Amino acid sequence: MKDKRIYVERRDEGDYAVRRANSERASDVLPTQREAIERAKELSPGSRPHVERVRNTNIGSPDKWRKA
């Protein structure tokens, strides 16, 4: 069965990559996290993308993932 997980992660350049699990290359690169999340939802309808945290909050830090 194909792994359908999809991730949104911040790149060193400051933009956001949309990647499938175990992929070597990004499916798309977008300038904002919001746009990347929307694109991830388009690429994998019916699933919630895993989004890299980019700031500290009371429930997580940048080394954690959340579902959008």
PDB file of N, CA and C in Angstrom:
ATOM      1  N   MET A   1       0.844  -1.187   0.000  1.00  0.00           N
ATOM      2  CA  MET A   1       0.000   0.000   0.000  1.00  0.00           C
ATOM      3  C   MET A   1       0.888   1.249   0.000  1.00  0.00           C
ATOM      4  N   LYS A   2       0.508   2.208  -0.776  1.00  0.00           N
ATOM      5  CA  LYS A   2       1.282   3.438  -0.907  1.00  0.00           C
ATOM      6  C   LYS A   2       1.118   4.311   0.338  1.00  0.00           C
ATOM      7  N   ASP A   3       2.222   4.893   0.786  1.00  0.00           N
ATOM      8  CA  ASP A   3       2.206   5.788   1.944  1.00  0.00           C
ATOM      9  C   ASP A   3       1.630   7.131   1.502  1.00  0.00           C
ATOM     10  N   LYS A   4       0.520   7.548   2.077  1.00  0.00           N
ATOM     11  CA  LYS A   4      -0.166   8.764   1.642  1.00  0.00           C
ATOM     12  C   LYS A   4       0.146   9.978   2.504  1.00  0.00           C
ATOM     13  N   ARG A   5       1.043   9.823   3.477  1.00  0.00           N
ATOM     14  CA  ARG A   5       1.368  10.977   4.322  1.00  0.00           C
ATOM     15  C   ARG A   5       2.008  12.074   3.480  1.00  0.00           C
ATOM     16  N   ILE A   6       1.684  13.317   3.835  1.00  0.00           N
ATOM     17  CA  ILE A   6       2.255  14.464   3.137  1.00  0.00           C
ATOM     18  C   ILE A   6       2.676  15.487   4.189  1.00  0.00           C
ATOM     19  N   TYR A   7       3.798  16.150   3.934  1.00  0.00           N
ATOM     20  CA  TYR A   7       4.403  17.042   4.913  1.00  0.00           C
ATOM     21  C   TYR A   7       4.611  18.433   4.336  1.00  0.00           C
ATOM     22  N   VAL A   8       4.502  19.433   5.213  1.00  0.00           N
ATOM     23  CA  VAL A   8       4.846  20.817   4.879  1.00  0.00           C
ATOM     24  C   VAL A   8       5.982  21.196   5.813  1.00  0.00           C
ATOM     25  N   GLU A   9       7.123  21.534   5.225  1.00  0.00           N
ATOM     26  CA  GLU A   9       8.278  21.866   6.059  1.00  0.00           C
ATOM     27  C   GLU A   9       8.946  23.131   5.563  1.00  0.00           C
ATOM     28  N   ARG A  10       9.461  23.900   6.510  1.00  0.00           N
ATOM     29  CA  ARG A  10      10.144  25.151   6.175  1.00  0.00           C
ATOM     30  C   ARG A  10      11.540  24.848   5.663  1.00  0.00           C
ATOM     31  N   ARG A  11      11.923  25.534   4.591  1.00  0.00           N
ATOM     32  CA  ARG A  11      13.257  25.367   4.028  1.00  0.00           C
ATOM     33  C   ARG A  11      14.159  26.468   4.543  1.00  0.00           C
ATOM     34  N   ASP A  12      15.466  26.271   4.419  1.00  0.00           N
ATOM     35  CA  ASP A  12      16.441  27.273   4.856  1.00  0.00           C
ATOM     36  C   ASP A  12      16.252  28.603   4.125  1.00  0.00           C
ATOM     37  N   GLU A  13      15.712  28.548   2.917  1.00  0.00           N
ATOM     38  CA  GLU A  13      15.487  29.755   2.119  1.00  0.00           C
ATOM     39  C   GLU A  13      14.315  30.588   2.647  1.00  0.00           C
ATOM     40  N   GLY A  14      13.524  30.025   3.584  1.00  0.00           N
ATOM     41  CA  GLY A  14      12.403  30.743   4.172  1.00  0.00           C
ATOM     42  C   GLY A  14      11.069  30.422   3.541  1.00  0.00           C
ATOM     43  N   ASP A  15      11.071  29.633   2.466  1.00  0.00           N
ATOM     44  CA  ASP A  15       9.803  29.230   1.871  1.00  0.00           C
ATOM     45  C   ASP A  15       9.438  27.837   2.383  1.00  0.00           C
ATOM     46  N   TYR A  16       8.385  27.238   1.837  1.00  0.00           N
ATOM     47  CA  TYR A  16       7.858  25.984   2.377  1.00  0.00           C
ATOM     48  C   TYR A  16       7.765  24.916   1.310  1.00  0.00           C
ATOM     49  N   ALA A  17       8.251  23.727   1.628  1.00  0.00           N
ATOM     50  CA  ALA A  17       8.212  22.598   0.712  1.00  0.00           C
ATOM     51  C   ALA A  17       7.058  21.675   1.084  1.00  0.00           C
ATOM     52  N   VAL A  18       6.392  21.168   0.072  1.00  0.00           N
ATOM     53  CA  VAL A  18       5.355  20.150   0.238  1.00  0.00           C
ATOM     54  C   VAL A  18       5.976  18.849  -0.253  1.00  0.00           C
ATOM     55  N   ARG A  19       6.033  17.852   0.643  1.00  0.00           N
ATOM     56  CA  ARG A  19       6.707  16.593   0.310  1.00  0.00           C
ATOM     57  C   ARG A  19       5.859  15.405   0.719  1.00  0.00           C
ATOM     58  N   ARG A  20       5.946  14.370  -0.049  1.00  0.00           N
ATOM     59  CA  ARG A  20       5.321  13.100   0.336  1.00  0.00           C
ATOM     60  C   ARG A  20       6.304  12.332   1.213  1.00  0.00           C
ATOM     61  N   ALA A  21       5.791  11.440   2.013  1.00  0.00           N
ATOM     62  CA  ALA A  21       6.648  10.622   2.881  1.00  0.00           C
ATOM     63  C   ALA A  21       7.659   9.860   2.040  1.00  0.00           C
ATOM     64  N   ASN A  22       8.887   9.806   2.503  1.00  0.00           N
ATOM     65  CA  ASN A  22       9.987   9.066   1.874  1.00  0.00           C
ATOM     66  C   ASN A  22      10.371   9.580   0.482  1.00  0.00           C
ATOM     67  N   SER A  23       9.992  10.817   0.149  1.00  0.00           N
ATOM     68  CA  SER A  23      10.365  11.356  -1.159  1.00  0.00           C
ATOM     69  C   SER A  23      11.731  12.029  -1.090  1.00  0.00           C
ATOM     70  N   GLU A  24      12.402  12.086  -2.212  1.00  0.00           N
ATOM     71  CA  GLU A  24      13.690  12.759  -2.277  1.00  0.00           C
ATOM     72  C   GLU A  24      13.545  14.222  -2.662  1.00  0.00           C
ATOM     73  N   ARG A  25      12.473  14.545  -3.385  1.00  0.00           N
ATOM     74  CA  ARG A  25      12.258  15.912  -3.845  1.00  0.00           C
ATOM     75  C   ARG A  25      10.898  16.413  -3.400  1.00  0.00           C
ATOM     76  N   ALA A  26      10.784  17.724  -3.320  1.00  0.00           N
ATOM     77  CA  ALA A  26       9.512  18.343  -2.952  1.00  0.00           C
ATOM     78  C   ALA A  26       8.534  18.259  -4.116  1.00  0.00           C
ATOM     79  N   SER A  27       7.262  18.069  -3.810  1.00  0.00           N
ATOM     80  CA  SER A  27       6.224  18.098  -4.832  1.00  0.00           C
ATOM     81  C   SER A  27       5.972  19.517  -5.293  1.00  0.00           C
ATOM     82  N   ASP A  28       6.152  20.467  -4.375  1.00  0.00           N
ATOM     83  CA  ASP A  28       5.953  21.879  -4.688  1.00  0.00           C
ATOM     84  C   ASP A  28       6.671  22.705  -3.624  1.00  0.00           C
ATOM     85  N   VAL A  29       7.021  23.934  -3.975  1.00  0.00           N
ATOM     86  CA  VAL A  29       7.633  24.881  -3.040  1.00  0.00           C
ATOM     87  C   VAL A  29       6.848  26.177  -3.158  1.00  0.00           C
ATOM     88  N   LEU A  30       6.391  26.694  -2.013  1.00  0.00           N
ATOM     89  CA  LEU A  30       5.550  27.884  -2.009  1.00  0.00           C
ATOM     90  C   LEU A  30       6.087  28.902  -1.014  1.00  0.00           C
ATOM     91  N   PRO A  31       5.758  30.186  -1.210  1.00  0.00           N
ATOM     92  CA  PRO A  31       6.338  31.232  -0.367  1.00  0.00           C
ATOM     93  C   PRO A  31       5.787  31.292   1.058  1.00  0.00           C
ATOM     94  N   THR A  32       4.551  30.828   1.291  1.00  0.00           N
ATOM     95  CA  THR A  32       3.983  30.902   2.643  1.00  0.00           C
ATOM     96  C   THR A  32       3.526  29.532   3.121  1.00  0.00           C
ATOM     97  N   GLN A  33       3.485  29.383   4.429  1.00  0.00           N
ATOM     98  CA  GLN A  33       3.026  28.134   5.018  1.00  0.00           C
ATOM     99  C   GLN A  33       1.559  27.884   4.666  1.00  0.00           C
ATOM    100  N   ARG A  34       0.753  28.913   4.680  1.00  0.00           N
ATOM    101  CA  ARG A  34      -0.669  28.768   4.352  1.00  0.00           C
ATOM    102  C   ARG A  34      -0.859  28.218   2.941  1.00  0.00           C
ATOM    103  N   GLU A  35      -0.122  28.777   1.984  1.00  0.00           N
ATOM    104  CA  GLU A  35      -0.220  28.299   0.601  1.00  0.00           C
ATOM    105  C   GLU A  35       0.261  26.851   0.489  1.00  0.00           C
ATOM    106  N   ALA A  36       1.304  26.517   1.222  1.00  0.00           N
ATOM    107  CA  ALA A  36       1.836  25.156   1.190  1.00  0.00           C
ATOM    108  C   ALA A  36       0.838  24.161   1.780  1.00  0.00           C
ATOM    109  N   ILE A  37       0.154  24.543   2.844  1.00  0.00           N
ATOM    110  CA  ILE A  37      -0.852  23.665   3.447  1.00  0.00           C
ATOM    111  C   ILE A  37      -1.996  23.437   2.463  1.00  0.00           C
ATOM    112  N   GLU A  38      -2.456  24.499   1.807  1.00  0.00           N
ATOM    113  CA  GLU A  38      -3.539  24.362   0.826  1.00  0.00           C
ATOM    114  C   GLU A  38      -3.108  23.455  -0.326  1.00  0.00           C
ATOM    115  N   ARG A  39      -1.879  23.601  -0.778  1.00  0.00           N
ATOM    116  CA  ARG A  39      -1.374  22.758  -1.873  1.00  0.00           C
ATOM    117  C   ARG A  39      -1.275  21.307  -1.429  1.00  0.00           C
ATOM    118  N   ALA A  40      -0.836  21.076  -0.207  1.00  0.00           N
ATOM    119  CA  ALA A  40      -0.754  19.712   0.319  1.00  0.00           C
ATOM    120  C   ALA A  40      -2.137  19.067   0.354  1.00  0.00           C
ATOM    121  N   LYS A  41      -3.142  19.827   0.719  1.00  0.00           N
ATOM    122  CA  LYS A  41      -4.517  19.313   0.746  1.00  0.00           C
ATOM    123  C   LYS A  41      -5.015  19.006  -0.661  1.00  0.00           C
ATOM    124  N   GLU A  42      -4.592  19.795  -1.648  1.00  0.00           N
ATOM    125  CA  GLU A  42      -4.955  19.525  -3.048  1.00  0.00           C
ATOM    126  C   GLU A  42      -4.290  18.233  -3.540  1.00  0.00           C
ATOM    127  N   LEU A  43      -3.029  18.037  -3.172  1.00  0.00           N
ATOM    128  CA  LEU A  43      -2.283  16.867  -3.621  1.00  0.00           C
ATOM    129  C   LEU A  43      -2.732  15.574  -2.945  1.00  0.00           C
ATOM    130  N   SER A  44      -3.259  15.690  -1.747  1.00  0.00           N
ATOM    131  CA  SER A  44      -3.682  14.512  -0.995  1.00  0.00           C
ATOM    132  C   SER A  44      -5.057  14.760  -0.378  1.00  0.00           C
ATOM    133  N   PRO A  45      -6.100  14.786  -1.209  1.00  0.00           N
ATOM    134  CA  PRO A  45      -7.445  15.076  -0.691  1.00  0.00           C
ATOM    135  C   PRO A  45      -7.884  14.043   0.344  1.00  0.00           C
ATOM    136  N   GLY A  46      -8.590  14.513   1.339  1.00  0.00           N
ATOM    137  CA  GLY A  46      -9.095  13.624   2.369  1.00  0.00           C
ATOM    138  C   GLY A  46      -8.120  13.327   3.491  1.00  0.00           C
ATOM    139  N   SER A  47      -6.900  13.845   3.391  1.00  0.00           N
ATOM    140  CA  SER A  47      -5.940  13.631   4.476  1.00  0.00           C
ATOM    141  C   SER A  47      -5.485  14.976   5.023  1.00  0.00           C
ATOM    142  N   ARG A  48      -4.986  14.946   6.235  1.00  0.00           N
ATOM    143  CA  ARG A  48      -4.500  16.167   6.869  1.00  0.00           C
ATOM    144  C   ARG A  48      -2.978  16.175   6.806  1.00  0.00           C
ATOM    145  N   PRO A  49      -2.399  17.214   6.210  1.00  0.00           N
ATOM    146  CA  PRO A  49      -0.933  17.251   6.101  1.00  0.00           C
ATOM    147  C   PRO A  49      -0.265  17.447   7.467  1.00  0.00           C
ATOM    148  N   HIS A  50       0.921  16.895   7.601  1.00  0.00           N
ATOM    149  CA  HIS A  50       1.753  17.103   8.782  1.00  0.00           C
ATOM    150  C   HIS A  50       2.537  18.391   8.538  1.00  0.00           C
ATOM    151  N   VAL A  51       2.416  19.342   9.458  1.00  0.00           N
ATOM    152  CA  VAL A  51       3.029  20.657   9.278  1.00  0.00           C
ATOM    153  C   VAL A  51       4.094  20.869  10.343  1.00  0.00           C
ATOM    154  N   GLU A  52       5.277  21.245   9.897  1.00  0.00           N
ATOM    155  CA  GLU A  52       6.374  21.521  10.813  1.00  0.00           C
ATOM    156  C   GLU A  52       6.088  22.810  11.581  1.00  0.00           C
ATOM    157  N   ARG A  53       6.244  22.760  12.896  1.00  0.00           N
ATOM    158  CA  ARG A  53       6.090  23.993  13.683  1.00  0.00           C
ATOM    159  C   ARG A  53       7.283  24.902  13.414  1.00  0.00           C
ATOM    160  N   VAL A  54       7.030  26.189  13.260  1.00  0.00           N
ATOM    161  CA  VAL A  54       8.114  27.125  12.962  1.00  0.00           C
ATOM    162  C   VAL A  54       8.333  28.134  14.080  1.00  0.00           C
ATOM    163  N   ARG A  55       7.564  28.006  15.162  1.00  0.00           N
ATOM    164  CA  ARG A  55       7.758  28.915  16.287  1.00  0.00           C
ATOM    165  C   ARG A  55       7.405  28.190  17.577  1.00  0.00           C
ATOM    166  N   ASN A  56       7.811  28.758  18.693  1.00  0.00           N
ATOM    167  CA  ASN A  56       7.475  28.196  20.000  1.00  0.00           C
ATOM    168  C   ASN A  56       6.066  28.626  20.393  1.00  0.00           C
ATOM    169  N   THR A  57       5.298  27.683  20.896  1.00  0.00           N
ATOM    170  CA  THR A  57       3.958  27.970  21.426  1.00  0.00           C
ATOM    171  C   THR A  57       3.839  27.266  22.770  1.00  0.00           C
ATOM    172  N   ASN A  58       2.717  27.459  23.434  1.00  0.00           N
ATOM    173  CA  ASN A  58       2.529  26.800  24.727  1.00  0.00           C
ATOM    174  C   ASN A  58       2.265  25.300  24.576  1.00  0.00           C
ATOM    175  N   ILE A  59       2.027  24.831  23.344  1.00  0.00           N
ATOM    176  CA  ILE A  59       1.779  23.396  23.140  1.00  0.00           C
ATOM    177  C   ILE A  59       2.814  22.729  22.247  1.00  0.00           C
ATOM    178  N   GLY A  60       3.822  23.447  21.792  1.00  0.00           N
ATOM    179  CA  GLY A  60       4.832  22.818  20.950  1.00  0.00           C
ATOM    180  C   GLY A  60       5.980  23.769  20.615  1.00  0.00           C
ATOM    181  N   SER A  61       7.027  23.155  20.115  1.00  0.00           N
ATOM    182  CA  SER A  61       8.206  23.921  19.718  1.00  0.00           C
ATOM    183  C   SER A  61       8.547  23.575  18.273  1.00  0.00           C
ATOM    184  N   PRO A  62       9.508  24.286  17.666  1.00  0.00           N
ATOM    185  CA  PRO A  62       9.813  24.061  16.260  1.00  0.00           C
ATOM    186  C   PRO A  62      10.258  22.637  15.895  1.00  0.00           C
ATOM    187  N   ASP A  63      10.630  21.829  16.848  1.00  0.00           N
ATOM    188  CA  ASP A  63      11.054  20.475  16.513  1.00  0.00           C
ATOM    189  C   ASP A  63       9.887  19.483  16.519  1.00  0.00           C
ATOM    190  N   LYS A  64       8.662  19.961  16.546  1.00  0.00           N
ATOM    191  CA  LYS A  64       7.475  19.121  16.585  1.00  0.00           C
ATOM    192  C   LYS A  64       6.655  19.288  15.307  1.00  0.00           C
ATOM    193  N   TRP A  65       5.735  18.358  15.062  1.00  0.00           N
ATOM    194  CA  TRP A  65       4.831  18.404  13.913  1.00  0.00           C
ATOM    195  C   TRP A  65       3.398  18.516  14.409  1.00  0.00           C
ATOM    196  N   ARG A  66       2.557  19.147  13.612  1.00  0.00           N
ATOM    197  CA  ARG A  66       1.133  19.228  13.927  1.00  0.00           C
ATOM    198  C   ARG A  66       0.370  18.860  12.668  1.00  0.00           C
ATOM    199  N   LYS A  67      -0.880  18.476  12.843  1.00  0.00           N
ATOM    200  CA  LYS A  67      -1.715  18.189  11.684  1.00  0.00           C
ATOM    201  C   LYS A  67      -2.566  19.408  11.374  1.00  0.00           C
ATOM    202  N   ALA A  68      -2.634  19.763  10.100  1.00  0.00           N
ATOM    203  CA  ALA A  68      -3.419  20.937   9.684  1.00  0.00           C
ATOM    204  C   ALA A  68      -4.848  20.543   9.401  1.00  0.00           C
TER     205      ALA A  68
END
